[in-house]
Amino acid sequence: MPDSRRLATLVRSGSSVHGELHRLARLLAAFHARALRGPEVSAQGSAAALLGRWADNLAQVYRFRSRVLTEATAETERLALRFVEGRGELFDSRVGQGRVVDGHGDLLAEDVFCLDDGPRVLDCLEFDDDLRRVDGLDDASFLAMDLERLGVPLLGDAFLRSYAAFANDPAPEALHHHYVAYRAFVRAKVACHRYAQGDGDAAFEARLLERIALDHLRSGAVRLVIVGGPPGTGKTTVAGLLADRLGMALIADGGLYGPADGGSVDPLDHAGRLLRMGESVVMDAPWAREAHRRAARRTADASRADIIELRCAAPDDLVMRRLGLRPTDDGPAVTQGAAFQPWPEATTIDTSRTREDALARAAAAADPRPPLPEWIPHHPLMPPD
């Protein structure tokens, strides 16, 4: 195979590889469609199997913490295990759909050759059958991760989306992020061991891969955002805009408020199912009562999801105009909710300005990711945060 046609070589030279990646995604999906399946293969796609692989890799890099890797490894561990522990239904459904295959297992850009008559993929993982038996999306995520390592994350994302389309795989975005993070962490482990064997340059690569893993784990964290407030404060508008902006499912308040004992919790049951399947959720309801907020927190906790609580607010005169009330009406008790119980956990979203301003504030509160550790490097070809 000509070295000049390696995918890694073409990427490093700045050549356009969009067409090659599209064809490669189709080739990989076709390979997975006819790949070996069965009980032994499917067992490797379970949540328990993935937890085991994470645990093995974390144990193998423990001695490199603070020496090659950073203290951020602890956050990587927490986010990775939390995601898998809360997504048992998602992984079970993937197994049931036949998504777990005897795949390639080591899809690096160095081993892909882009020829005139189509791509060639070499060097599958052979030393451990179980490590090759993975979810097809996990297999494809290896190359997406490697393209990001090479400084072209948008190409990696485009390849993964093309693969999902060819494989007819409507997996949640969170699962895309998780598998890319897992593959990055595996390669970080490999780089750590290369460093221990005398490869001084491998330390930079290990920290770069650690950054990629942590960034994707943060991006893929499953969230429940509850958006509340008294009538006329704009909660429904904010909730809808926020769900669209962040690509989350939207659940309205129907059925949430019933008898004094807490009423129906069907919407929360629905939210819990979505969270367990890897979908983040925005819930639009008044959330006037602390009992309902506690129920939402329990739902998030049971699904190992983050909860973000937002309360919309606006001045009385504006709320009254929105509700069509006159200044002589008994407005404040109606508009601001005399029975609205204190909500100190919520971030207040002022909706008295433009929709864009309220959405920006809500989006910032709903995605409160801290900056990555300063000494985890950027790839020189990647844009800054």
Protein backbone atom coordinates (compact mmCIF):
# COMPACT_ATOMS: atom_id res chain seq x y z
CA MET A 1 0.00 0.00 0.00
CA PRO A 2 1.39 3.45 -0.91
CA ASP A 3 2.29 5.49 2.14
CA SER A 4 1.14 8.66 0.36
CA ARG A 5 -2.42 7.30 0.34
CA ARG A 6 -2.63 6.64 4.06
CA LEU A 7 -5.56 8.49 5.58
CA ALA A 8 -3.26 9.87 8.29
CA THR A 9 -0.83 11.18 5.66
CA LEU A 10 -3.61 12.86 3.70
CA VAL A 11 -5.02 14.49 6.84
CA ARG A 12 -1.61 15.77 7.94
CA SER A 13 -1.02 17.27 4.50
CA GLY A 14 -4.33 19.10 4.55
CA SER A 15 -5.83 17.15 1.66
CA SER A 16 -9.61 16.98 1.39
CA VAL A 17 -10.77 13.56 2.53
CA HIS A 18 -14.52 14.13 2.85
CA GLY A 19 -15.33 11.77 -0.01
CA GLU A 20 -12.95 9.11 1.25
CA LEU A 21 -14.46 9.21 4.73
CA HIS A 22 -17.97 8.95 3.30
CA ARG A 23 -16.98 5.83 1.36
CA LEU A 24 -15.16 4.45 4.39
CA ALA A 25 -18.27 4.91 6.56
CA ARG A 26 -20.31 2.96 4.01
CA LEU A 27 -17.66 0.22 3.86
CA LEU A 28 -17.55 -0.10 7.67
CA ALA A 29 -21.35 -0.21 7.96
CA ALA A 30 -21.48 -2.96 5.32
CA PHE A 31 -18.73 -4.89 7.11
CA HIS A 32 -20.65 -4.67 10.38
CA ALA A 33 -23.89 -5.75 8.68
CA ARG A 34 -22.37 -9.12 7.79
CA ALA A 35 -20.08 -9.45 10.83
CA LEU A 36 -20.30 -12.32 13.28
CA ARG A 37 -22.97 -12.01 15.97
CA GLY A 38 -24.17 -14.29 18.72
CA PRO A 39 -24.40 -14.63 22.52
CA GLU A 40 -20.62 -14.55 23.09
CA VAL A 41 -20.28 -11.47 20.92
CA SER A 42 -23.33 -9.70 22.39
CA ALA A 43 -22.08 -10.20 25.94
CA GLN A 44 -19.29 -7.72 25.23
CA GLY A 45 -21.80 -4.97 24.53
CA SER A 46 -23.43 -5.02 27.95
CA ALA A 47 -23.05 -2.26 30.51
CA ALA A 48 -21.18 -4.70 32.77
CA ALA A 49 -18.65 -5.47 30.03
CA LEU A 50 -18.06 -1.79 29.29
CA LEU A 51 -17.66 -1.01 32.98
CA GLY A 52 -15.10 -3.78 33.17
CA ARG A 53 -13.12 -2.35 30.27
CA TRP A 54 -13.17 1.12 31.81
CA ALA A 55 -12.05 -0.30 35.15
CA ASP A 56 -9.17 -2.20 33.53
CA ASN A 57 -7.92 0.83 31.64
CA LEU A 58 -8.23 3.13 34.66
CA ALA A 59 -6.27 0.66 36.78
CA GLN A 60 -3.53 0.44 34.14
CA VAL A 61 -2.95 4.22 34.11
CA TYR A 62 -3.14 4.73 37.86
CA ARG A 63 0.63 4.91 38.28
CA PHE A 64 0.82 7.59 35.57
CA ARG A 65 -1.49 10.05 37.31
CA SER A 66 0.27 13.35 38.07
CA ARG A 67 3.37 12.01 36.29
CA VAL A 68 2.12 11.79 32.70
CA LEU A 69 -1.62 12.30 32.98
CA THR A 70 -3.25 15.02 35.07
CA GLU A 71 -5.45 15.11 38.12
CA ALA A 72 -8.37 15.34 35.66
CA THR A 73 -8.20 11.54 35.43
CA ALA A 74 -10.35 11.41 38.56
CA GLU A 75 -13.11 13.37 36.82
CA THR A 76 -12.76 11.17 33.74
CA GLU A 77 -13.30 8.12 35.92
CA ARG A 78 -16.32 9.60 37.68
CA LEU A 79 -18.07 10.71 34.49
CA ALA A 80 -17.34 7.51 32.57
CA LEU A 81 -18.58 5.13 35.26
CA ARG A 82 -21.60 7.31 36.05
CA PHE A 83 -22.71 7.31 32.42
CA VAL A 84 -22.49 3.55 32.03
CA GLU A 85 -24.10 2.78 35.40
CA GLY A 86 -27.15 4.87 34.52
CA ARG A 87 -27.56 3.61 30.97
CA GLY A 88 -28.23 -0.11 31.42
CA GLU A 89 -31.45 0.08 29.40
CA LEU A 90 -29.62 1.77 26.54
CA PHE A 91 -26.94 -0.92 26.36
CA ASP A 92 -29.52 -3.69 26.68
CA SER A 93 -31.44 -2.19 23.77
CA ARG A 94 -28.26 -2.03 21.67
CA VAL A 95 -27.64 -5.71 22.32
CA GLY A 96 -31.24 -6.54 21.48
CA GLN A 97 -30.99 -4.68 18.17
CA GLY A 98 -27.93 -6.68 17.13
CA ARG A 99 -25.63 -3.66 17.30
CA VAL A 100 -22.77 -5.62 18.93
CA VAL A 101 -20.51 -7.23 16.31
CA ASP A 102 -17.16 -8.91 15.86
CA GLY A 103 -15.62 -5.78 14.39
CA HIS A 104 -12.23 -4.31 13.59
CA GLY A 105 -11.25 -3.12 17.06
CA ASP A 106 -8.29 -0.91 16.14
CA LEU A 107 -9.41 1.49 13.41
CA LEU A 108 -6.51 3.93 13.17
CA ALA A 109 -6.01 6.45 10.37
CA GLU A 110 -2.50 5.02 9.82
CA ASP A 111 -4.07 1.72 8.73
CA VAL A 112 -6.62 3.14 6.28
CA PHE A 113 -5.55 3.59 2.65
CA CYS A 114 -7.59 5.79 0.32
CA LEU A 115 -7.23 4.28 -3.16
CA ASP A 116 -8.88 5.20 -6.43
CA ASP A 117 -11.14 2.15 -6.33
CA GLY A 118 -12.14 2.65 -2.69
CA PRO A 119 -10.70 2.48 0.82
CA ARG A 120 -8.68 -0.40 2.24
CA VAL A 121 -8.62 -1.05 5.99
CA LEU A 122 -5.82 -3.18 7.47
CA ASP A 123 -4.60 -4.52 10.79
CA CYS A 124 -7.63 -5.45 12.88
CA LEU A 125 -7.15 -6.29 16.55
CA GLU A 126 -6.21 -9.97 16.85
CA PHE A 127 -4.66 -10.60 20.26
CA ASP A 128 -7.97 -10.56 22.18
CA ASP A 129 -11.27 -11.52 20.55
CA ASP A 130 -13.35 -9.89 23.28
CA LEU A 131 -11.77 -6.47 22.68
CA ARG A 132 -12.79 -6.74 19.03
CA ARG A 133 -16.39 -7.62 19.90
CA VAL A 134 -17.97 -4.24 20.40
CA ASP A 135 -20.91 -2.07 19.50
CA GLY A 136 -20.56 -1.02 15.86
CA LEU A 137 -20.73 2.63 16.90
CA ASP A 138 -17.89 1.98 19.35
CA ASP A 139 -15.83 0.48 16.50
CA ALA A 140 -16.48 3.51 14.28
CA SER A 141 -15.71 5.88 17.16
CA PHE A 142 -12.11 4.67 17.17
CA LEU A 143 -11.46 6.41 13.84
CA ALA A 144 -13.49 9.47 14.86
CA MET A 145 -11.24 9.77 17.92
CA ASP A 146 -8.10 9.29 15.85
CA LEU A 147 -9.12 12.03 13.43
CA GLU A 148 -9.64 14.34 16.39
CA ARG A 149 -6.18 13.37 17.69
CA LEU A 150 -4.82 14.40 14.28
CA GLY A 151 -6.42 17.83 14.70
CA VAL A 152 -9.56 17.48 12.57
CA PRO A 153 -12.42 16.87 15.05
CA LEU A 154 -15.07 18.04 12.58
CA LEU A 155 -14.00 15.30 10.17
CA GLY A 156 -14.23 12.77 12.97
CA ASP A 157 -17.74 13.91 13.82
CA ALA A 158 -18.77 13.86 10.14
CA PHE A 159 -17.41 10.33 9.73
CA LEU A 160 -19.32 9.07 12.77
CA ARG A 161 -22.55 10.66 11.54
CA SER A 162 -22.07 9.12 8.09
CA TYR A 163 -21.49 5.73 9.66
CA ALA A 164 -24.63 6.07 11.80
CA ALA A 165 -26.65 6.97 8.71
CA PHE A 166 -25.37 3.99 6.70
CA ALA A 167 -25.89 1.68 9.70
CA ASN A 168 -29.42 3.07 10.27
CA ASP A 169 -28.38 3.75 13.84
CA PRO A 170 -30.29 6.54 15.65
CA ALA A 171 -28.07 6.36 18.74
CA PRO A 172 -28.23 9.34 21.12
CA GLU A 173 -25.52 11.98 20.89
CA ALA A 174 -24.43 11.04 24.40
CA LEU A 175 -23.43 7.57 23.22
CA HIS A 176 -21.38 9.04 20.36
CA HIS A 177 -19.50 11.15 22.90
CA HIS A 178 -19.04 8.27 25.31
CA TYR A 179 -17.52 5.90 22.80
CA VAL A 180 -15.15 8.56 21.44
CA ALA A 181 -14.10 9.28 25.03
CA TYR A 182 -13.53 5.59 25.73
CA ARG A 183 -11.36 5.19 22.64
CA ALA A 184 -9.36 8.30 23.51
CA PHE A 185 -8.70 7.02 27.01
CA VAL A 186 -7.55 3.64 25.70
CA ARG A 187 -5.06 5.39 23.43
CA ALA A 188 -3.96 7.63 26.33
CA LYS A 189 -3.16 4.46 28.25
CA VAL A 190 -1.10 3.17 25.32
CA ALA A 191 0.76 6.48 25.15
CA CYS A 192 1.51 6.27 28.89
CA HIS A 193 3.12 2.88 28.43
CA ARG A 194 5.14 4.15 25.46
CA TYR A 195 6.39 6.97 27.68
CA ALA A 196 7.41 4.45 30.34
CA GLN A 197 9.39 2.62 27.66
CA GLY A 198 11.40 5.75 26.86
CA ASP A 199 9.31 7.63 24.30
CA GLY A 200 9.45 11.16 25.70
CA ASP A 201 7.04 12.56 23.08
CA ALA A 202 4.32 10.19 24.23
CA ALA A 203 3.60 12.31 27.32
CA PHE A 204 2.18 15.12 25.18
CA GLU A 205 0.05 12.67 23.24
CA ALA A 206 -1.24 11.05 26.44
CA ARG A 207 -2.37 14.42 27.82
CA LEU A 208 -3.90 15.41 24.49
CA LEU A 209 -5.89 12.18 24.43
CA GLU A 210 -6.87 12.71 28.06
CA ARG A 211 -8.22 16.11 27.06
CA ILE A 212 -10.25 14.58 24.22
CA ALA A 213 -11.68 11.93 26.54
CA LEU A 214 -12.66 14.41 29.25
CA ASP A 215 -14.15 16.88 26.79
CA HIS A 216 -16.38 14.20 25.26
CA LEU A 217 -17.42 12.82 28.64
CA ARG A 218 -18.49 16.29 29.72
CA SER A 219 -20.31 16.87 26.44
CA GLY A 220 -22.07 13.51 26.74
CA ALA A 221 -23.20 13.87 30.35
CA VAL A 222 -26.94 13.19 30.50
CA ARG A 223 -28.94 16.08 32.00
CA LEU A 224 -32.41 16.78 33.30
CA VAL A 225 -33.21 20.50 33.10
CA ILE A 226 -36.35 21.61 34.92
CA VAL A 227 -37.61 25.03 33.85
CA GLY A 228 -40.23 26.63 36.10
CA GLY A 229 -41.77 29.85 37.27
CA PRO A 230 -45.16 31.45 37.85
CA PRO A 231 -47.55 32.15 34.94
CA GLY A 232 -46.39 34.84 32.54
CA THR A 233 -42.70 34.57 33.37
CA GLY A 234 -41.84 32.90 30.05
CA LYS A 235 -40.96 29.43 31.28
CA THR A 236 -42.60 27.62 28.35
CA THR A 237 -40.84 29.82 25.80
CA VAL A 238 -37.48 29.38 27.50
CA ALA A 239 -37.94 25.61 27.85
CA GLY A 240 -38.79 25.20 24.16
CA LEU A 241 -35.93 27.37 22.95
CA LEU A 242 -33.50 25.63 25.29
CA ALA A 243 -34.51 22.15 24.14
CA ASP A 244 -33.99 23.20 20.52
CA ARG A 245 -30.63 24.87 21.23
CA LEU A 246 -29.18 21.92 23.17
CA GLY A 247 -30.83 19.11 21.22
CA MET A 248 -32.78 17.80 24.22
CA ALA A 249 -36.17 16.13 24.50
CA LEU A 250 -38.93 18.47 25.72
CA ILE A 251 -41.65 17.33 28.13
CA ALA A 252 -44.51 19.67 29.04
CA ASP A 253 -46.19 19.67 32.43
CA GLY A 254 -49.30 17.68 31.56
CA GLY A 255 -50.22 15.44 34.46
CA LEU A 256 -47.42 16.60 36.75
CA TYR A 257 -49.73 18.63 38.94
CA GLY A 258 -52.62 16.75 40.48
CA PRO A 259 -53.72 15.98 44.04
CA ALA A 260 -52.03 17.55 47.03
CA ASP A 261 -50.03 14.38 47.67
CA GLY A 262 -47.90 15.09 44.61
CA GLY A 263 -50.21 14.08 41.78
CA SER A 264 -49.34 12.00 38.81
CA VAL A 265 -45.65 11.45 38.13
CA ASP A 266 -46.10 10.02 34.63
CA PRO A 267 -44.09 12.85 33.01
CA LEU A 268 -41.22 12.13 35.39
CA ASP A 269 -41.45 8.42 34.61
CA HIS A 270 -41.23 9.32 30.93
CA ALA A 271 -38.25 11.59 31.62
CA GLY A 272 -36.54 8.82 33.58
CA ARG A 273 -36.88 6.39 30.68
CA LEU A 274 -35.40 8.92 28.27
CA LEU A 275 -32.51 9.66 30.64
CA ARG A 276 -31.73 5.95 30.99
CA MET A 277 -31.66 5.71 27.19
CA GLY A 278 -29.06 8.47 27.00
CA GLU A 279 -31.35 11.36 26.07
CA SER A 280 -31.12 14.63 27.97
CA VAL A 281 -34.47 16.19 28.86
CA VAL A 282 -35.96 19.65 29.42
CA MET A 283 -39.14 19.64 31.55
CA ASP A 284 -41.50 22.61 31.38
CA ALA A 285 -43.73 22.95 34.47
CA PRO A 286 -44.31 25.59 37.17
CA TRP A 287 -42.30 23.57 39.74
CA ALA A 288 -43.96 25.71 42.40
CA ARG A 289 -43.84 23.02 45.05
CA GLU A 290 -40.70 21.64 46.65
CA ALA A 291 -42.21 18.13 46.64
CA HIS A 292 -42.24 18.11 42.83
CA ARG A 293 -38.66 19.38 42.65
CA ARG A 294 -37.53 16.63 45.02
CA ALA A 295 -39.24 14.08 42.78
CA ALA A 296 -37.33 15.47 39.78
CA ARG A 297 -34.05 15.24 41.70
CA ARG A 298 -34.80 11.62 42.58
CA THR A 299 -35.49 10.86 38.92
CA ALA A 300 -32.18 12.39 37.88
CA ASP A 301 -30.28 10.62 40.64
CA ALA A 302 -31.77 7.23 39.80
CA SER A 303 -30.70 7.70 36.18
CA ARG A 304 -27.21 8.95 37.10
CA ALA A 305 -28.02 12.22 35.37
CA ASP A 306 -27.15 15.82 36.25
CA ILE A 307 -30.04 18.06 37.25
CA ILE A 308 -30.16 21.77 36.44
CA GLU A 309 -32.94 23.88 37.95
CA LEU A 310 -34.01 27.13 36.30
CA ARG A 311 -36.65 29.59 37.53
CA CYS A 312 -37.93 32.20 35.09
CA ALA A 313 -38.79 35.64 36.44
CA ALA A 314 -39.91 39.04 35.17
CA PRO A 315 -41.14 42.30 36.70
CA ASP A 316 -44.80 42.37 37.81
CA ASP A 317 -45.89 44.95 35.24
CA LEU A 318 -44.44 42.90 32.36
CA VAL A 319 -45.97 39.67 33.63
CA MET A 320 -49.35 41.37 33.94
CA ARG A 321 -49.15 42.64 30.36
CA ARG A 322 -48.25 39.14 29.15
CA LEU A 323 -51.28 37.74 30.95
CA GLY A 324 -53.57 40.48 29.66
CA LEU A 325 -54.19 41.90 33.13
CA ARG A 326 -54.85 45.57 33.87
CA PRO A 327 -52.96 47.56 36.54
CA THR A 328 -56.15 47.65 38.62
CA ASP A 329 -56.37 43.85 38.68
CA ASP A 330 -55.11 41.89 41.69
CA GLY A 331 -52.00 41.04 39.71
CA PRO A 332 -48.99 40.30 41.92
CA ALA A 333 -50.65 37.50 43.87
CA VAL A 334 -51.68 35.91 40.59
CA THR A 335 -48.60 36.56 38.50
CA GLN A 336 -45.86 35.86 41.02
CA GLY A 337 -47.60 32.94 42.67
CA ALA A 338 -48.43 33.48 46.31
CA ALA A 339 -48.13 29.73 46.87
CA PHE A 340 -44.79 29.41 45.05
CA GLN A 341 -42.47 27.80 47.57
CA PRO A 342 -38.88 29.02 47.98
CA TRP A 343 -36.48 27.60 45.40
CA PRO A 344 -32.91 28.44 46.45
CA GLU A 345 -31.40 25.69 44.26
CA ALA A 346 -32.63 27.33 41.06
CA THR A 347 -30.76 29.72 38.80
CA THR A 348 -32.99 32.71 38.07
CA ILE A 349 -33.46 33.52 34.37
CA ASP A 350 -34.60 37.09 33.79
CA THR A 351 -36.99 37.05 30.82
CA SER A 352 -37.64 40.80 30.74
CA ARG A 353 -35.21 41.37 27.86
CA THR A 354 -35.07 39.62 24.50
CA ARG A 355 -35.68 35.94 23.88
CA GLU A 356 -32.08 35.62 22.73
CA ASP A 357 -30.81 37.05 26.01
CA ALA A 358 -32.97 34.71 28.11
CA LEU A 359 -31.93 31.73 25.99
CA ALA A 360 -28.24 32.58 26.31
CA ARG A 361 -28.54 32.79 30.09
CA ALA A 362 -30.51 29.54 30.29
CA ALA A 363 -28.10 27.71 27.99
CA ALA A 364 -25.10 28.84 30.04
CA ALA A 365 -26.77 27.61 33.22
CA ALA A 366 -27.84 24.31 31.64
CA ASP A 367 -24.35 23.49 30.38
CA PRO A 368 -22.07 24.58 33.24
CA ARG A 369 -18.90 22.84 32.12
CA PRO A 370 -15.77 24.19 33.79
CA PRO A 371 -12.74 24.90 31.60
CA LEU A 372 -10.42 21.99 30.96
CA PRO A 373 -7.24 21.94 33.08
CA GLU A 374 -4.80 24.47 31.66
CA TRP A 375 -1.94 22.05 31.29
CA ILE A 376 -3.89 19.61 29.16
CA PRO A 377 -2.69 20.77 25.73
CA HIS A 378 -4.60 21.83 22.69
CA HIS A 379 -3.66 20.14 19.46
CA PRO A 380 -1.91 22.84 17.39
CA LEU A 381 -4.45 22.34 14.57
CA MET A 382 -7.51 22.55 16.82
CA PRO A 383 -9.41 25.80 17.38
CA PRO A 384 -9.31 27.23 20.92
CA ASP A 385 -12.21 26.64 23.34
